[in-house]
Amino acid sequence: MQEKDPINSLNEIKSMMQRSSKFTSISGWSGIWVGFVGIISATIAYFGILENSSFYSGYQEFTDLSTIKIKLIFLSIITLVIALTGGFLFMIKKSNQDDIKFINPVTKRILKKFAFILVIGGIISLIFIKNLNLAYFAPSTLLFYGLALYTVERDTIIEIKYLAICEIILGLLAFYFIYNGLLFWFIGFGILHLIFGAYIIKKYDNKA
């Protein structure tokens, strides 16, 4: 009986420990999906709800703020549901390909930490809308999304940390350039996720 190479045995043990302690089934297609949904949502908000230049010139021009608020809330909910549904489906598919159970202690830990920050950010964003501070909606969602990602960066692949930092920076910039929030939202939830997804596909998915 041939003995196993000690180095290979150590690598196998290390791989098993990483798989049991980290969620590595991040699908690049999840990022692509979220990116496309973000781009479509920002386009609808810009052309369909905020009437082009109104978003950048302040909010005194709005004649029916209650209708705009309802539309923005509805669009945000639909965007979140569609983005999360597609993202989770791609990750579940990746988990099956990796022969890893999707719902496990690591996944539950990530979801709890991620959801906690995201819910707080969602509540604050809704408060901004309620108080007519519509300009702060896009920056706050970007910032808290980035913070939520950063809280789970140790539980998954290293690229999540870099995505989180980029989202946080974009959120802060959106607060500074307050009437350009939708542009930063378009970049953060749209373009950045497309780049992230394409990179993950190239680095991990294709290799698998």
N, C-alpha and C. Protein backbone atom coordinates (compact mmCIF):
# COMPACT_ATOMS: atom_id res chain seq x y z
N MET A 1 0.85 -1.20 0.00
CA MET A 1 0.00 0.00 0.00
C MET A 1 0.89 1.26 0.00
N GLN A 2 0.65 2.12 -0.95
CA GLN A 2 1.48 3.30 -1.12
C GLN A 2 1.03 4.41 -0.17
N GLU A 3 1.99 4.97 0.58
CA GLU A 3 1.66 6.04 1.51
C GLU A 3 1.45 7.35 0.76
N LYS A 4 0.58 8.18 1.32
CA LYS A 4 0.30 9.48 0.71
C LYS A 4 1.47 10.44 0.95
N ASP A 5 1.67 11.31 0.00
CA ASP A 5 2.68 12.35 0.15
C ASP A 5 2.26 13.26 1.30
N PRO A 6 3.11 13.48 2.31
CA PRO A 6 2.74 14.32 3.46
C PRO A 6 2.30 15.72 3.06
N ILE A 7 2.97 16.28 2.05
CA ILE A 7 2.62 17.64 1.62
C ILE A 7 1.21 17.66 1.04
N ASN A 8 0.89 16.64 0.22
CA ASN A 8 -0.46 16.57 -0.34
C ASN A 8 -1.50 16.37 0.74
N SER A 9 -1.15 15.57 1.74
CA SER A 9 -2.07 15.32 2.85
C SER A 9 -2.34 16.61 3.62
N LEU A 10 -1.29 17.38 3.87
CA LEU A 10 -1.46 18.66 4.57
C LEU A 10 -2.30 19.64 3.76
N ASN A 11 -2.09 19.65 2.44
CA ASN A 11 -2.87 20.53 1.58
C ASN A 11 -4.34 20.15 1.58
N GLU A 12 -4.61 18.84 1.60
CA GLU A 12 -5.99 18.37 1.65
C GLU A 12 -6.66 18.76 2.97
N ILE A 13 -5.91 18.60 4.07
CA ILE A 13 -6.45 18.99 5.38
C ILE A 13 -6.72 20.49 5.43
N LYS A 14 -5.75 21.28 4.91
CA LYS A 14 -5.92 22.73 4.87
C LYS A 14 -7.12 23.12 4.04
N SER A 15 -7.31 22.47 2.90
CA SER A 15 -8.45 22.75 2.03
C SER A 15 -9.77 22.43 2.72
N MET A 16 -9.80 21.29 3.42
CA MET A 16 -11.02 20.89 4.14
C MET A 16 -11.34 21.88 5.25
N MET A 17 -10.32 22.35 5.96
CA MET A 17 -10.54 23.32 7.05
C MET A 17 -11.06 24.64 6.50
N GLN A 18 -10.50 25.07 5.38
CA GLN A 18 -10.96 26.33 4.78
C GLN A 18 -12.41 26.23 4.31
N ARG A 19 -12.75 25.08 3.72
CA ARG A 19 -14.11 24.89 3.23
C ARG A 19 -15.11 24.83 4.37
N SER A 20 -14.67 24.34 5.54
CA SER A 20 -15.58 24.22 6.67
C SER A 20 -15.68 25.51 7.47
N SER A 21 -14.71 26.43 7.32
CA SER A 21 -14.69 27.67 8.09
C SER A 21 -15.02 28.90 7.27
N LYS A 22 -14.98 28.79 5.93
CA LYS A 22 -15.27 29.93 5.05
C LYS A 22 -16.26 29.54 3.97
N PHE A 23 -17.03 30.55 3.53
CA PHE A 23 -17.94 30.34 2.41
C PHE A 23 -17.21 30.74 1.14
N THR A 24 -16.86 29.75 0.35
CA THR A 24 -16.06 30.01 -0.86
C THR A 24 -16.85 29.86 -2.15
N SER A 25 -18.13 29.53 -2.04
CA SER A 25 -18.92 29.30 -3.25
C SER A 25 -19.54 30.59 -3.77
N ILE A 26 -18.72 31.63 -3.86
CA ILE A 26 -19.17 32.89 -4.44
C ILE A 26 -19.11 32.74 -5.96
N SER A 27 -20.24 32.90 -6.60
CA SER A 27 -20.29 32.76 -8.05
C SER A 27 -20.10 34.12 -8.71
N GLY A 28 -19.23 34.14 -9.71
CA GLY A 28 -19.05 35.38 -10.47
C GLY A 28 -20.33 35.81 -11.16
N TRP A 29 -21.15 34.83 -11.51
CA TRP A 29 -22.42 35.16 -12.18
C TRP A 29 -23.39 35.87 -11.24
N SER A 30 -23.22 35.66 -9.93
CA SER A 30 -24.02 36.42 -8.97
C SER A 30 -23.70 37.90 -9.09
N GLY A 31 -22.39 38.21 -9.19
CA GLY A 31 -21.98 39.60 -9.35
C GLY A 31 -22.48 40.19 -10.65
N ILE A 32 -22.40 39.42 -11.73
CA ILE A 32 -22.90 39.89 -13.03
C ILE A 32 -24.39 40.18 -12.94
N TRP A 33 -25.12 39.27 -12.30
CA TRP A 33 -26.57 39.43 -12.16
C TRP A 33 -26.91 40.70 -11.38
N VAL A 34 -26.27 40.86 -10.21
CA VAL A 34 -26.53 42.04 -9.38
C VAL A 34 -26.16 43.31 -10.13
N GLY A 35 -25.07 43.27 -10.90
CA GLY A 35 -24.66 44.43 -11.67
C GLY A 35 -25.69 44.86 -12.70
N PHE A 36 -26.21 43.89 -13.44
CA PHE A 36 -27.23 44.20 -14.45
C PHE A 36 -28.50 44.73 -13.80
N VAL A 37 -28.90 44.12 -12.69
CA VAL A 37 -30.10 44.58 -11.98
C VAL A 37 -29.89 46.00 -11.47
N GLY A 38 -28.69 46.29 -10.94
CA GLY A 38 -28.40 47.63 -10.46
C GLY A 38 -28.43 48.67 -11.56
N ILE A 39 -27.88 48.33 -12.72
CA ILE A 39 -27.87 49.26 -13.86
C ILE A 39 -29.29 49.54 -14.33
N ILE A 40 -30.09 48.49 -14.45
CA ILE A 40 -31.47 48.65 -14.90
C ILE A 40 -32.26 49.49 -13.90
N SER A 41 -32.06 49.22 -12.60
CA SER A 41 -32.78 49.96 -11.56
C SER A 41 -32.41 51.44 -11.57
N ALA A 42 -31.11 51.73 -11.68
CA ALA A 42 -30.67 53.13 -11.72
C ALA A 42 -31.21 53.85 -12.95
N THR A 43 -31.27 53.15 -14.07
CA THR A 43 -31.79 53.74 -15.30
C THR A 43 -33.27 54.07 -15.16
N ILE A 44 -34.03 53.14 -14.54
CA ILE A 44 -35.46 53.38 -14.31
C ILE A 44 -35.65 54.57 -13.38
N ALA A 45 -34.84 54.63 -12.31
CA ALA A 45 -34.96 55.73 -11.36
C ALA A 45 -34.66 57.07 -12.03
N TYR A 46 -33.63 57.10 -12.87
CA TYR A 46 -33.20 58.35 -13.49
C TYR A 46 -34.18 58.84 -14.54
N PHE A 47 -34.58 57.94 -15.45
CA PHE A 47 -35.44 58.35 -16.56
C PHE A 47 -36.93 58.26 -16.23
N GLY A 48 -37.29 57.32 -15.34
CA GLY A 48 -38.71 57.09 -15.09
C GLY A 48 -39.28 57.76 -13.88
N ILE A 49 -38.45 57.98 -12.83
CA ILE A 49 -38.97 58.51 -11.57
C ILE A 49 -38.47 59.92 -11.29
N LEU A 50 -37.17 60.13 -11.42
CA LEU A 50 -36.58 61.41 -11.06
C LEU A 50 -36.50 62.39 -12.21
N GLU A 51 -36.97 61.98 -13.37
CA GLU A 51 -37.10 62.88 -14.52
C GLU A 51 -35.79 63.58 -14.87
N ASN A 52 -34.79 62.76 -15.14
CA ASN A 52 -33.49 63.23 -15.62
C ASN A 52 -32.80 64.21 -14.68
N SER A 53 -32.81 65.50 -15.00
CA SER A 53 -31.97 66.46 -14.29
C SER A 53 -32.45 66.79 -12.88
N SER A 54 -33.68 66.43 -12.51
CA SER A 54 -34.19 66.80 -11.19
C SER A 54 -33.32 66.25 -10.08
N PHE A 55 -32.75 65.07 -10.27
CA PHE A 55 -31.98 64.44 -9.21
C PHE A 55 -30.71 65.22 -8.92
N TYR A 56 -30.21 65.98 -9.86
CA TYR A 56 -28.95 66.67 -9.70
C TYR A 56 -29.12 68.14 -9.35
N SER A 57 -30.31 68.65 -9.50
CA SER A 57 -30.50 70.09 -9.27
C SER A 57 -31.18 70.38 -7.94
N GLY A 58 -31.34 69.38 -7.10
CA GLY A 58 -32.02 69.59 -5.83
C GLY A 58 -33.43 69.04 -5.89
N TYR A 59 -34.19 69.23 -4.80
CA TYR A 59 -35.50 68.60 -4.73
C TYR A 59 -36.63 69.62 -4.59
N GLN A 60 -36.30 70.87 -4.75
CA GLN A 60 -37.35 71.88 -4.69
C GLN A 60 -38.26 71.79 -5.92
N GLU A 61 -37.75 71.18 -7.00
CA GLU A 61 -38.52 71.14 -8.24
C GLU A 61 -39.62 70.09 -8.22
N PHE A 62 -39.54 69.12 -7.29
CA PHE A 62 -40.51 68.05 -7.28
C PHE A 62 -41.88 68.60 -6.90
N THR A 63 -42.88 68.26 -7.69
CA THR A 63 -44.23 68.74 -7.42
C THR A 63 -45.04 67.74 -6.61
N ASP A 64 -44.67 66.47 -6.62
CA ASP A 64 -45.42 65.46 -5.89
C ASP A 64 -44.44 64.50 -5.22
N LEU A 65 -43.91 64.94 -4.07
CA LEU A 65 -42.89 64.16 -3.39
C LEU A 65 -43.42 62.84 -2.86
N SER A 66 -44.71 62.81 -2.48
CA SER A 66 -45.27 61.58 -1.94
C SER A 66 -45.28 60.48 -3.00
N THR A 67 -45.60 60.84 -4.23
CA THR A 67 -45.61 59.86 -5.33
C THR A 67 -44.20 59.38 -5.62
N ILE A 68 -43.23 60.29 -5.62
CA ILE A 68 -41.84 59.92 -5.88
C ILE A 68 -41.33 58.99 -4.79
N LYS A 69 -41.66 59.29 -3.53
CA LYS A 69 -41.23 58.44 -2.43
C LYS A 69 -41.75 57.02 -2.59
N ILE A 70 -43.04 56.91 -2.91
CA ILE A 70 -43.66 55.59 -3.07
C ILE A 70 -42.99 54.82 -4.20
N LYS A 71 -42.74 55.51 -5.30
CA LYS A 71 -42.09 54.86 -6.45
C LYS A 71 -40.68 54.40 -6.12
N LEU A 72 -39.92 55.25 -5.40
CA LEU A 72 -38.56 54.89 -5.03
C LEU A 72 -38.52 53.70 -4.08
N ILE A 73 -39.43 53.69 -3.11
CA ILE A 73 -39.50 52.57 -2.17
C ILE A 73 -39.86 51.28 -2.90
N PHE A 74 -40.86 51.38 -3.78
CA PHE A 74 -41.28 50.20 -4.54
C PHE A 74 -40.15 49.69 -5.43
N LEU A 75 -39.46 50.61 -6.11
CA LEU A 75 -38.34 50.22 -6.97
C LEU A 75 -37.21 49.59 -6.16
N SER A 76 -36.94 50.15 -4.98
CA SER A 76 -35.88 49.61 -4.13
C SER A 76 -36.19 48.19 -3.68
N ILE A 77 -37.44 47.96 -3.29
CA ILE A 77 -37.85 46.62 -2.83
C ILE A 77 -37.75 45.61 -3.96
N ILE A 78 -38.26 45.98 -5.14
CA ILE A 78 -38.21 45.08 -6.30
C ILE A 78 -36.77 44.79 -6.68
N THR A 79 -35.93 45.83 -6.68
CA THR A 79 -34.51 45.66 -7.02
C THR A 79 -33.84 44.70 -6.05
N LEU A 80 -34.08 44.89 -4.76
CA LEU A 80 -33.47 44.04 -3.73
C LEU A 80 -33.90 42.59 -3.89
N VAL A 81 -35.20 42.37 -4.09
CA VAL A 81 -35.72 41.00 -4.21
C VAL A 81 -35.13 40.30 -5.43
N ILE A 82 -35.15 40.98 -6.57
CA ILE A 82 -34.64 40.37 -7.81
C ILE A 82 -33.14 40.12 -7.72
N ALA A 83 -32.39 41.09 -7.19
CA ALA A 83 -30.93 40.94 -7.08
C ALA A 83 -30.57 39.80 -6.14
N LEU A 84 -31.21 39.74 -4.97
CA LEU A 84 -30.91 38.69 -4.00
C LEU A 84 -31.32 37.31 -4.51
N THR A 85 -32.49 37.24 -5.14
CA THR A 85 -32.98 35.95 -5.64
C THR A 85 -32.01 35.36 -6.67
N GLY A 86 -31.65 36.17 -7.67
CA GLY A 86 -30.72 35.70 -8.69
C GLY A 86 -29.35 35.39 -8.12
N GLY A 87 -28.88 36.27 -7.22
CA GLY A 87 -27.57 36.06 -6.61
C GLY A 87 -27.50 34.77 -5.82
N PHE A 88 -28.52 34.49 -5.02
CA PHE A 88 -28.55 33.27 -4.23
C PHE A 88 -28.66 32.03 -5.11
N LEU A 89 -29.44 32.11 -6.18
CA LEU A 89 -29.58 30.96 -7.07
C LEU A 89 -28.24 30.58 -7.70
N PHE A 90 -27.49 31.59 -8.12
CA PHE A 90 -26.17 31.31 -8.71
C PHE A 90 -25.21 30.74 -7.66
N MET A 91 -25.29 31.24 -6.43
CA MET A 91 -24.41 30.72 -5.38
C MET A 91 -24.79 29.30 -4.98
N ILE A 92 -26.08 29.01 -4.96
CA ILE A 92 -26.53 27.64 -4.68
C ILE A 92 -26.03 26.68 -5.75
N LYS A 93 -26.12 27.12 -6.99
CA LYS A 93 -25.61 26.30 -8.10
C LYS A 93 -24.11 26.05 -7.95
N LYS A 94 -23.36 27.11 -7.57
CA LYS A 94 -21.92 26.98 -7.38
C LYS A 94 -21.62 26.03 -6.22
N SER A 95 -22.39 26.11 -5.15
CA SER A 95 -22.21 25.22 -4.00
C SER A 95 -22.42 23.77 -4.40
N ASN A 96 -23.44 23.52 -5.21
CA ASN A 96 -23.70 22.15 -5.68
C ASN A 96 -22.54 21.64 -6.54
N GLN A 97 -22.00 22.52 -7.38
CA GLN A 97 -20.86 22.12 -8.21
C GLN A 97 -19.64 21.81 -7.36
N ASP A 98 -19.47 22.55 -6.25
CA ASP A 98 -18.34 22.33 -5.36
C ASP A 98 -18.59 21.21 -4.37
N ASP A 99 -19.79 20.63 -4.45
CA ASP A 99 -20.19 19.55 -3.52
C ASP A 99 -20.16 20.04 -2.07
N ILE A 100 -20.67 21.26 -1.88
CA ILE A 100 -20.75 21.85 -0.54
C ILE A 100 -22.21 22.18 -0.24
N LYS A 101 -22.64 21.85 0.96
CA LYS A 101 -24.00 22.17 1.37
C LYS A 101 -24.14 23.68 1.54
N PHE A 102 -25.11 24.29 0.85
CA PHE A 102 -25.23 25.75 0.86
C PHE A 102 -25.60 26.26 2.25
N ILE A 103 -26.61 25.67 2.86
CA ILE A 103 -27.02 26.07 4.20
C ILE A 103 -26.20 25.29 5.22
N ASN A 104 -25.26 25.98 5.84
CA ASN A 104 -24.39 25.38 6.85
C ASN A 104 -24.09 26.43 7.91
N PRO A 105 -23.39 26.07 8.98
CA PRO A 105 -23.10 27.06 10.04
C PRO A 105 -22.40 28.32 9.53
N VAL A 106 -21.50 28.17 8.56
CA VAL A 106 -20.78 29.34 8.03
C VAL A 106 -21.74 30.27 7.31
N THR A 107 -22.60 29.70 6.46
CA THR A 107 -23.58 30.51 5.72
C THR A 107 -24.51 31.24 6.67
N LYS A 108 -24.98 30.54 7.69
CA LYS A 108 -25.88 31.16 8.67
C LYS A 108 -25.20 32.32 9.39
N ARG A 109 -23.93 32.13 9.74
CA ARG A 109 -23.18 33.18 10.42
C ARG A 109 -23.02 34.40 9.52
N ILE A 110 -22.72 34.16 8.24
CA ILE A 110 -22.57 35.26 7.29
C ILE A 110 -23.87 36.02 7.10
N LEU A 111 -24.95 35.28 6.93
CA LEU A 111 -26.26 35.91 6.68
C LEU A 111 -26.70 36.75 7.88
N LYS A 112 -26.44 36.28 9.08
CA LYS A 112 -26.82 37.02 10.28
C LYS A 112 -26.08 38.35 10.35
N LYS A 113 -24.77 38.29 10.16
CA LYS A 113 -23.96 39.51 10.24
C LYS A 113 -24.28 40.47 9.10
N PHE A 114 -24.43 39.92 7.90
CA PHE A 114 -24.72 40.74 6.72
C PHE A 114 -26.09 41.40 6.84
N ALA A 115 -27.09 40.60 7.23
CA ALA A 115 -28.46 41.12 7.31
C ALA A 115 -28.60 42.18 8.40
N PHE A 116 -27.87 42.03 9.50
CA PHE A 116 -27.99 42.98 10.61
C PHE A 116 -27.63 44.39 10.17
N ILE A 117 -26.47 44.53 9.52
CA ILE A 117 -26.04 45.85 9.04
C ILE A 117 -26.95 46.34 7.92
N LEU A 118 -27.35 45.42 7.03
CA LEU A 118 -28.16 45.81 5.88
C LEU A 118 -29.54 46.31 6.32
N VAL A 119 -30.12 45.67 7.31
CA VAL A 119 -31.44 46.09 7.81
C VAL A 119 -31.35 47.47 8.44
N ILE A 120 -30.31 47.71 9.23
CA ILE A 120 -30.12 49.04 9.82
C ILE A 120 -30.00 50.10 8.73
N GLY A 121 -29.19 49.80 7.70
CA GLY A 121 -29.05 50.73 6.59
C GLY A 121 -30.35 50.97 5.86
N GLY A 122 -31.14 49.90 5.69
CA GLY A 122 -32.44 50.04 5.03
C GLY A 122 -33.39 50.93 5.82
N ILE A 123 -33.39 50.77 7.13
CA ILE A 123 -34.25 51.60 7.99
C ILE A 123 -33.84 53.07 7.89
N ILE A 124 -32.54 53.32 7.96
CA ILE A 124 -32.05 54.70 7.86
C ILE A 124 -32.40 55.31 6.50
N SER A 125 -32.28 54.51 5.45
CA SER A 125 -32.61 55.00 4.11
C SER A 125 -34.08 55.36 4.01
N LEU A 126 -34.94 54.54 4.61
CA LEU A 126 -36.38 54.82 4.60
C LEU A 126 -36.71 56.06 5.41
N ILE A 127 -35.96 56.28 6.50
CA ILE A 127 -36.16 57.50 7.30
C ILE A 127 -35.80 58.73 6.48
N PHE A 128 -34.71 58.63 5.71
CA PHE A 128 -34.33 59.74 4.83
C PHE A 128 -35.46 60.05 3.84
N ILE A 129 -36.02 58.99 3.26
CA ILE A 129 -37.11 59.19 2.30
C ILE A 129 -38.32 59.81 2.99
N LYS A 130 -38.65 59.32 4.18
CA LYS A 130 -39.81 59.83 4.93
C LYS A 130 -39.67 61.32 5.22
N ASN A 131 -38.45 61.74 5.54
CA ASN A 131 -38.22 63.14 5.88
C ASN A 131 -37.86 64.00 4.66
N LEU A 132 -38.10 63.46 3.48
CA LEU A 132 -37.91 64.16 2.21
C LEU A 132 -36.45 64.39 1.86
N ASN A 133 -35.53 63.80 2.60
CA ASN A 133 -34.11 63.93 2.26
C ASN A 133 -33.73 62.87 1.23
N LEU A 134 -34.30 62.98 0.06
CA LEU A 134 -34.11 61.96 -0.97
C LEU A 134 -32.67 61.87 -1.44
N ALA A 135 -31.93 62.97 -1.31
CA ALA A 135 -30.55 62.98 -1.78
C ALA A 135 -29.67 62.03 -0.99
N TYR A 136 -30.07 61.69 0.25
CA TYR A 136 -29.25 60.84 1.09
C TYR A 136 -29.56 59.35 0.92
N PHE A 137 -30.54 59.03 0.12
CA PHE A 137 -30.94 57.63 -0.04
C PHE A 137 -29.85 56.81 -0.72
N ALA A 138 -29.37 57.27 -1.87
CA ALA A 138 -28.34 56.52 -2.60
C ALA A 138 -27.04 56.40 -1.82
N PRO A 139 -26.52 57.49 -1.23
CA PRO A 139 -25.28 57.35 -0.45
C PRO A 139 -25.40 56.40 0.73
N SER A 140 -26.54 56.45 1.44
CA SER A 140 -26.70 55.60 2.62
C SER A 140 -26.78 54.12 2.25
N THR A 141 -27.47 53.80 1.15
CA THR A 141 -27.56 52.40 0.74
C THR A 141 -26.19 51.87 0.31
N LEU A 142 -25.42 52.70 -0.39
CA LEU A 142 -24.07 52.29 -0.78
C LEU A 142 -23.18 52.06 0.43
N LEU A 143 -23.21 53.01 1.36
CA LEU A 143 -22.33 52.93 2.53
C LEU A 143 -22.65 51.71 3.39
N PHE A 144 -23.92 51.50 3.68
CA PHE A 144 -24.28 50.39 4.56
C PHE A 144 -24.12 49.05 3.86
N TYR A 145 -24.29 49.02 2.55
CA TYR A 145 -24.02 47.79 1.81
C TYR A 145 -22.54 47.43 1.90
N GLY A 146 -21.69 48.44 1.74
CA GLY A 146 -20.25 48.21 1.87
C GLY A 146 -19.87 47.76 3.27
N LEU A 147 -20.47 48.37 4.29
CA LEU A 147 -20.21 47.97 5.67
C LEU A 147 -20.68 46.54 5.94
N ALA A 148 -21.83 46.18 5.37
CA ALA A 148 -22.34 44.82 5.54
C ALA A 148 -21.39 43.80 4.91
N LEU A 149 -20.88 44.12 3.74
CA LEU A 149 -19.91 43.24 3.09
C LEU A 149 -18.63 43.13 3.93
N TYR A 150 -18.20 44.24 4.50
CA TYR A 150 -16.95 44.24 5.26
C TYR A 150 -17.07 43.39 6.53
N THR A 151 -18.25 43.30 7.10
CA THR A 151 -18.42 42.50 8.32
C THR A 151 -18.26 41.01 8.06
N VAL A 152 -18.41 40.58 6.80
CA VAL A 152 -18.32 39.15 6.50
C VAL A 152 -17.08 38.79 5.70
N GLU A 153 -16.16 39.76 5.51
CA GLU A 153 -15.03 39.53 4.62
C GLU A 153 -14.11 38.42 5.12
N ARG A 154 -14.05 38.19 6.42
CA ARG A 154 -13.20 37.12 6.95
C ARG A 154 -13.83 35.74 6.78
N ASP A 155 -15.11 35.72 6.46
CA ASP A 155 -15.82 34.44 6.33
C ASP A 155 -15.94 33.97 4.89
N THR A 156 -15.31 34.68 3.98
CA THR A 156 -15.45 34.30 2.57
C THR A 156 -14.17 34.66 1.81
N ILE A 157 -14.25 34.74 0.50
CA ILE A 157 -13.07 34.99 -0.32
C ILE A 157 -12.57 36.42 -0.11
N ILE A 158 -11.27 36.62 -0.30
CA ILE A 158 -10.62 37.90 -0.02
C ILE A 158 -11.16 39.03 -0.90
N GLU A 159 -11.66 38.70 -2.09
CA GLU A 159 -12.15 39.74 -3.00
C GLU A 159 -13.35 40.50 -2.44
N ILE A 160 -14.09 39.87 -1.53
CA ILE A 160 -15.24 40.54 -0.91
C ILE A 160 -14.77 41.76 -0.12
N LYS A 161 -13.60 41.65 0.51
CA LYS A 161 -13.05 42.77 1.28
C LYS A 161 -12.80 43.97 0.37
N TYR A 162 -12.23 43.72 -0.80
CA TYR A 162 -11.93 44.81 -1.72
C TYR A 162 -13.21 45.42 -2.29
N LEU A 163 -14.20 44.57 -2.56
CA LEU A 163 -15.50 45.07 -3.02
C LEU A 163 -16.13 45.94 -1.95
N ALA A 164 -16.05 45.49 -0.70
CA ALA A 164 -16.62 46.25 0.42
C ALA A 164 -15.97 47.63 0.55
N ILE A 165 -14.65 47.68 0.47
CA ILE A 165 -13.93 48.95 0.59
C ILE A 165 -14.33 49.90 -0.53
N CYS A 166 -14.45 49.38 -1.74
CA CYS A 166 -14.85 50.22 -2.88
C CYS A 166 -16.26 50.77 -2.69
N GLU A 167 -17.18 49.94 -2.18
CA GLU A 167 -18.55 50.39 -1.95
C GLU A 167 -18.60 51.46 -0.87
N ILE A 168 -17.80 51.28 0.19
CA ILE A 168 -17.75 52.26 1.27
C ILE A 168 -17.21 53.60 0.76
N ILE A 169 -16.15 53.55 -0.02
CA ILE A 169 -15.58 54.78 -0.58
C ILE A 169 -16.59 55.49 -1.48
N LEU A 170 -17.27 54.72 -2.32
CA LEU A 170 -18.29 55.31 -3.20
C LEU A 170 -19.42 55.92 -2.39
N GLY A 171 -19.80 55.26 -1.30
CA GLY A 171 -20.85 55.80 -0.43
C GLY A 171 -20.44 57.12 0.19
N LEU A 172 -19.21 57.20 0.65
CA LEU A 172 -18.71 58.45 1.24
C LEU A 172 -18.62 59.56 0.20
N LEU A 173 -18.16 59.21 -0.99
CA LEU A 173 -18.10 60.20 -2.07
C LEU A 173 -19.49 60.68 -2.45
N ALA A 174 -20.44 59.75 -2.41
CA ALA A 174 -21.82 60.12 -2.75
C ALA A 174 -22.40 61.07 -1.71
N PHE A 175 -22.00 60.92 -0.44
CA PHE A 175 -22.43 61.87 0.59
C PHE A 175 -21.80 63.24 0.34
N TYR A 176 -20.55 63.25 -0.09
CA TYR A 176 -19.87 64.53 -0.32
C TYR A 176 -20.44 65.23 -1.54
N PHE A 177 -20.56 64.49 -2.66
CA PHE A 177 -21.19 65.04 -3.87
C PHE A 177 -22.67 64.64 -3.85
N ILE A 178 -23.40 65.25 -2.95
CA ILE A 178 -24.70 64.74 -2.52
C ILE A 178 -25.72 64.66 -3.65
N TYR A 179 -25.68 65.57 -4.61
CA TYR A 179 -26.68 65.54 -5.68
C TYR A 179 -26.24 64.71 -6.88
N ASN A 180 -25.19 63.96 -6.71
CA ASN A 180 -24.77 63.01 -7.74
C ASN A 180 -24.87 61.57 -7.23
N GLY A 181 -25.71 61.38 -6.21
CA GLY A 181 -25.83 60.08 -5.57
C GLY A 181 -26.21 58.95 -6.52
N LEU A 182 -27.11 59.25 -7.44
CA LEU A 182 -27.56 58.20 -8.36
C LEU A 182 -26.43 57.74 -9.27
N LEU A 183 -25.54 58.65 -9.62
CA LEU A 183 -24.39 58.28 -10.45
C LEU A 183 -23.49 57.31 -9.70
N PHE A 184 -23.21 57.62 -8.42
CA PHE A 184 -22.39 56.71 -7.62
C PHE A 184 -23.12 55.39 -7.36
N TRP A 185 -24.43 55.44 -7.23
CA TRP A 185 -25.23 54.23 -7.06
C TRP A 185 -25.12 53.36 -8.31
N PHE A 186 -25.18 53.99 -9.46
CA PHE A 186 -25.04 53.29 -10.75
C PHE A 186 -23.67 52.60 -10.83
N ILE A 187 -22.64 53.32 -10.38
CA ILE A 187 -21.29 52.74 -10.42
C ILE A 187 -21.14 51.62 -9.40
N GLY A 188 -21.60 51.86 -8.16
CA GLY A 188 -21.40 50.91 -7.08
C GLY A 188 -22.17 49.62 -7.23
N PHE A 189 -23.46 49.74 -7.50
CA PHE A 189 -24.30 48.55 -7.60
C PHE A 189 -24.32 47.96 -9.01
N GLY A 190 -23.94 48.78 -9.99
CA GLY A 190 -23.96 48.30 -11.36
C GLY A 190 -22.59 47.92 -11.89
N ILE A 191 -21.81 48.94 -12.25
CA ILE A 191 -20.52 48.71 -12.90
C ILE A 191 -19.57 47.90 -12.03
N LEU A 192 -19.49 48.26 -10.74
CA LEU A 192 -18.54 47.58 -9.85
C LEU A 192 -18.85 46.09 -9.72
N HIS A 193 -20.13 45.76 -9.66
CA HIS A 193 -20.50 44.34 -9.56
C HIS A 193 -20.21 43.58 -10.86
N LEU A 194 -20.38 44.26 -11.99
CA LEU A 194 -20.03 43.61 -13.26
C LEU A 194 -18.54 43.29 -13.31
N ILE A 195 -17.71 44.25 -12.88
CA ILE A 195 -16.26 44.03 -12.85
C ILE A 195 -15.91 42.92 -11.86
N PHE A 196 -16.52 42.97 -10.68
CA PHE A 196 -16.28 41.95 -9.66
C PHE A 196 -16.68 40.56 -10.16
N GLY A 197 -17.86 40.47 -10.77
CA GLY A 197 -18.33 39.19 -11.28
C GLY A 197 -17.43 38.63 -12.36
N ALA A 198 -17.01 39.49 -13.29
CA ALA A 198 -16.13 39.04 -14.37
C ALA A 198 -14.80 38.55 -13.82
N TYR A 199 -14.28 39.23 -12.80
CA TYR A 199 -13.01 38.82 -12.20
C TYR A 199 -13.14 37.47 -11.50
N ILE A 200 -14.24 37.28 -10.76
CA ILE A 200 -14.45 36.03 -10.04
C ILE A 200 -14.62 34.86 -11.02
N ILE A 201 -15.32 35.12 -12.13
CA ILE A 201 -15.49 34.08 -13.14
C ILE A 201 -14.13 33.66 -13.70
N LYS A 202 -13.30 34.65 -13.99
CA LYS A 202 -11.98 34.37 -14.55
C LYS A 202 -11.08 33.65 -13.56
N LYS A 203 -11.11 34.07 -12.29
CA LYS A 203 -10.18 33.52 -11.29
C LYS A 203 -10.63 32.20 -10.72
N TYR A 204 -11.94 32.07 -10.43
CA TYR A 204 -12.42 30.89 -9.72
C TYR A 204 -13.29 29.98 -10.58
N ASP A 205 -14.33 30.56 -11.22
CA ASP A 205 -15.31 29.72 -11.92
C ASP A 205 -14.68 28.97 -13.08
N ASN A 206 -13.90 29.65 -13.91
CA ASN A 206 -13.28 28.98 -15.05
C ASN A 206 -12.27 27.94 -14.62
N LYS A 207 -11.56 28.24 -13.51
CA LYS A 207 -10.58 27.27 -13.00
C LYS A 207 -11.28 26.01 -12.52
N ALA A 208 -12.47 26.19 -11.90
CA ALA A 208 -13.22 25.03 -11.44
C ALA A 208 -13.71 24.21 -12.59
